[in-house]
Amino acid sequence: MKVDQYPHFLFAVLGGESAQDDEGNWIDSETITEFISACREETNGRGAEIQVAGGTFHRFTSLIQLPKGSKMVEVGTSIFVANDQDGSDVRIQGVVLKFDKGQLHNRLWI
């Protein structure tokens, strides 16, 4: 039996910030979904916390393990993890709290 180390798929949701037009009306810009990497999502079932910049602690929803060569994802980026490569079967979504480039793999927390 073969075990897939990274059975899930990480996507970033880019854009989507509101702006005002010349008449003062708020308009949402288009969002773009970008595939980042294969991954493994692990739910935080124990309510553990992580320390982020500035020494603040946050309780995270999920830890997402990524291959070492995966692209860095900026803190504050909206992401989602899907069970399929086309992103239609979403497992979890959130905002990146922390990203860590490790020696053997990368991790991010939402």
C-alpha atoms as a PDB file:
ATOM      1  CA  MET A   1       0.000   0.000   0.000  1.00  0.00           C
ATOM      2  CA  LYS A   2       1.460   3.350  -1.071  1.00  0.00           C
ATOM      3  CA  VAL A   3       1.002   6.343   1.238  1.00  0.00           C
ATOM      4  CA  ASP A   4       0.912   9.746  -0.454  1.00  0.00           C
ATOM      5  CA  GLN A   5       2.899  12.223   1.678  1.00  0.00           C
ATOM      6  CA  TYR A   6       1.063  15.215   0.158  1.00  0.00           C
ATOM      7  CA  PRO A   7      -2.487  14.100  -0.724  1.00  0.00           C
ATOM      8  CA  HIS A   8      -4.082  17.590  -0.759  1.00  0.00           C
ATOM      9  CA  PHE A   9      -3.745  20.743  -2.867  1.00  0.00           C
ATOM     10  CA  LEU A  10      -3.036  24.310  -1.678  1.00  0.00           C
ATOM     11  CA  PHE A  11      -4.453  27.329  -3.512  1.00  0.00           C
ATOM     12  CA  ALA A  12      -4.083  31.082  -2.875  1.00  0.00           C
ATOM     13  CA  VAL A  13      -6.941  33.498  -3.533  1.00  0.00           C
ATOM     14  CA  LEU A  14      -5.387  36.707  -4.861  1.00  0.00           C
ATOM     15  CA  GLY A  15      -6.937  40.106  -5.452  1.00  0.00           C
ATOM     16  CA  GLY A  16     -10.464  40.859  -4.446  1.00  0.00           C
ATOM     17  CA  GLU A  17      -9.804  44.100  -2.606  1.00  0.00           C
ATOM     18  CA  SER A  18     -12.525  46.715  -2.816  1.00  0.00           C
ATOM     19  CA  ALA A  19     -11.867  50.123  -4.342  1.00  0.00           C
ATOM     20  CA  GLN A  20     -13.962  53.219  -4.904  1.00  0.00           C
ATOM     21  CA  ASP A  21     -14.832  54.474  -8.374  1.00  0.00           C
ATOM     22  CA  ASP A  22     -14.945  58.174  -9.351  1.00  0.00           C
ATOM     23  CA  GLU A  23     -18.476  58.472  -7.954  1.00  0.00           C
ATOM     24  CA  GLY A  24     -17.562  56.977  -4.572  1.00  0.00           C
ATOM     25  CA  ASN A  25     -19.188  53.580  -5.180  1.00  0.00           C
ATOM     26  CA  TRP A  26     -17.398  50.536  -3.805  1.00  0.00           C
ATOM     27  CA  ILE A  27     -16.409  47.965  -6.446  1.00  0.00           C
ATOM     28  CA  ASP A  28     -14.896  44.557  -5.755  1.00  0.00           C
ATOM     29  CA  SER A  29     -11.981  43.612  -7.982  1.00  0.00           C
ATOM     30  CA  GLU A  30     -11.765  40.151  -9.511  1.00  0.00           C
ATOM     31  CA  THR A  31     -10.120  37.353  -7.560  1.00  0.00           C
ATOM     32  CA  ILE A  32      -7.655  34.918  -9.040  1.00  0.00           C
ATOM     33  CA  THR A  33      -7.154  31.407  -7.690  1.00  0.00           C
ATOM     34  CA  GLU A  34      -3.536  30.257  -7.961  1.00  0.00           C
ATOM     35  CA  PHE A  35      -2.336  26.684  -7.357  1.00  0.00           C
ATOM     36  CA  ILE A  36       0.602  26.782  -4.923  1.00  0.00           C
ATOM     37  CA  SER A  37       1.602  23.195  -4.173  1.00  0.00           C
ATOM     38  CA  ALA A  38       0.604  19.705  -3.193  1.00  0.00           C
ATOM     39  CA  CYS A  39       0.292  19.583   0.589  1.00  0.00           C
ATOM     40  CA  ARG A  40      -0.961  17.738   3.658  1.00  0.00           C
ATOM     41  CA  GLU A  41      -3.543  19.495   5.840  1.00  0.00           C
ATOM     42  CA  GLU A  42      -3.603  18.533   9.526  1.00  0.00           C
ATOM     43  CA  THR A  43      -6.461  19.853  11.680  1.00  0.00           C
ATOM     44  CA  ASN A  44      -5.511  21.366  15.046  1.00  0.00           C
ATOM     45  CA  GLY A  45      -7.674  19.082  17.191  1.00  0.00           C
ATOM     46  CA  ARG A  46      -5.964  20.005  20.466  1.00  0.00           C
ATOM     47  CA  GLY A  47      -6.334  23.776  20.256  1.00  0.00           C
ATOM     48  CA  ALA A  48      -2.579  24.388  20.096  1.00  0.00           C
ATOM     49  CA  GLU A  49      -1.225  27.905  19.587  1.00  0.00           C
ATOM     50  CA  ILE A  50       1.679  29.347  17.589  1.00  0.00           C
ATOM     51  CA  GLN A  51       3.746  32.446  18.199  1.00  0.00           C
ATOM     52  CA  VAL A  52       3.721  34.914  15.317  1.00  0.00           C
ATOM     53  CA  ALA A  53       5.697  38.104  14.651  1.00  0.00           C
ATOM     54  CA  GLY A  54       5.667  40.503  17.576  1.00  0.00           C
ATOM     55  CA  GLY A  55       5.376  37.712  20.144  1.00  0.00           C
ATOM     56  CA  THR A  56       1.604  37.340  19.801  1.00  0.00           C
ATOM     57  CA  PHE A  57       0.091  33.873  20.193  1.00  0.00           C
ATOM     58  CA  HIS A  58      -2.706  32.644  17.917  1.00  0.00           C
ATOM     59  CA  ARG A  59      -4.770  29.467  18.071  1.00  0.00           C
ATOM     60  CA  PHE A  60      -4.589  28.014  14.589  1.00  0.00           C
ATOM     61  CA  THR A  61      -7.160  25.932  12.719  1.00  0.00           C
ATOM     62  CA  SER A  62      -4.814  23.793  10.612  1.00  0.00           C
ATOM     63  CA  LEU A  63      -1.147  23.128  10.004  1.00  0.00           C
ATOM     64  CA  ILE A  64      -0.353  22.622   6.336  1.00  0.00           C
ATOM     65  CA  GLN A  65       2.796  20.675   5.434  1.00  0.00           C
ATOM     66  CA  LEU A  66       4.407  21.488   2.072  1.00  0.00           C
ATOM     67  CA  PRO A  67       7.347  20.049   0.100  1.00  0.00           C
ATOM     68  CA  LYS A  68      10.679  21.827   0.654  1.00  0.00           C
ATOM     69  CA  GLY A  69      10.713  23.477  -2.790  1.00  0.00           C
ATOM     70  CA  SER A  70       7.245  24.978  -2.538  1.00  0.00           C
ATOM     71  CA  LYS A  71       6.636  28.678  -3.060  1.00  0.00           C
ATOM     72  CA  MET A  72       6.500  30.957   0.003  1.00  0.00           C
ATOM     73  CA  VAL A  73       3.017  32.189   0.926  1.00  0.00           C
ATOM     74  CA  GLU A  74       2.853  35.620   2.571  1.00  0.00           C
ATOM     75  CA  VAL A  75       1.223  36.083   5.972  1.00  0.00           C
ATOM     76  CA  GLY A  76      -2.306  37.441   5.468  1.00  0.00           C
ATOM     77  CA  THR A  77      -2.882  35.628   2.155  1.00  0.00           C
ATOM     78  CA  SER A  78      -6.301  33.974   1.791  1.00  0.00           C
ATOM     79  CA  ILE A  79      -5.861  30.296   0.971  1.00  0.00           C
ATOM     80  CA  PHE A  80      -7.832  27.092   0.719  1.00  0.00           C
ATOM     81  CA  VAL A  81      -6.906  23.421   0.694  1.00  0.00           C
ATOM     82  CA  ALA A  82      -8.762  21.030  -1.585  1.00  0.00           C
ATOM     83  CA  ASN A  83      -8.961  17.260  -1.899  1.00  0.00           C
ATOM     84  CA  ASP A  84      -8.655  17.515  -5.679  1.00  0.00           C
ATOM     85  CA  GLN A  85      -6.298  19.272  -8.069  1.00  0.00           C
ATOM     86  CA  ASP A  86      -9.015  21.407  -9.669  1.00  0.00           C
ATOM     87  CA  GLY A  87      -9.914  22.914  -6.274  1.00  0.00           C
ATOM     88  CA  SER A  88     -13.588  21.999  -6.327  1.00  0.00           C
ATOM     89  CA  ASP A  89     -13.638  19.791  -3.198  1.00  0.00           C
ATOM     90  CA  VAL A  90     -12.529  22.295  -0.521  1.00  0.00           C
ATOM     91  CA  ARG A  91     -11.370  20.843   2.832  1.00  0.00           C
ATOM     92  CA  ILE A  92     -10.616  24.101   4.657  1.00  0.00           C
ATOM     93  CA  GLN A  93     -10.040  27.778   3.961  1.00  0.00           C
ATOM     94  CA  GLY A  94      -8.480  30.586   5.950  1.00  0.00           C
ATOM     95  CA  VAL A  95      -5.813  33.258   6.164  1.00  0.00           C
ATOM     96  CA  VAL A  96      -2.108  32.472   6.578  1.00  0.00           C
ATOM     97  CA  LEU A  97      -0.958  33.231  10.130  1.00  0.00           C
ATOM     98  CA  LYS A  98       2.641  32.055   9.722  1.00  0.00           C
ATOM     99  CA  PHE A  99       4.902  30.460   7.085  1.00  0.00           C
ATOM    100  CA  ASP A 100       8.083  28.545   7.943  1.00  0.00           C
ATOM    101  CA  LYS A 101      10.726  27.398   5.469  1.00  0.00           C
ATOM    102  CA  GLY A 102      12.169  24.306   7.127  1.00  0.00           C
ATOM    103  CA  GLN A 103      15.206  22.195   6.379  1.00  0.00           C
ATOM    104  CA  LEU A 104      13.184  19.187   5.216  1.00  0.00           C
ATOM    105  CA  HIS A 105       9.803  20.742   4.370  1.00  0.00           C
ATOM    106  CA  ASN A 106       7.824  23.976   4.613  1.00  0.00           C
ATOM    107  CA  ARG A 107       4.850  24.624   6.891  1.00  0.00           C
ATOM    108  CA  LEU A 108       2.101  27.183   7.110  1.00  0.00           C
ATOM    109  CA  TRP A 109      -0.609  27.767   9.672  1.00  0.00           C
ATOM    110  CA  ILE A 110      -4.125  29.107   9.151  1.00  0.00           C
END
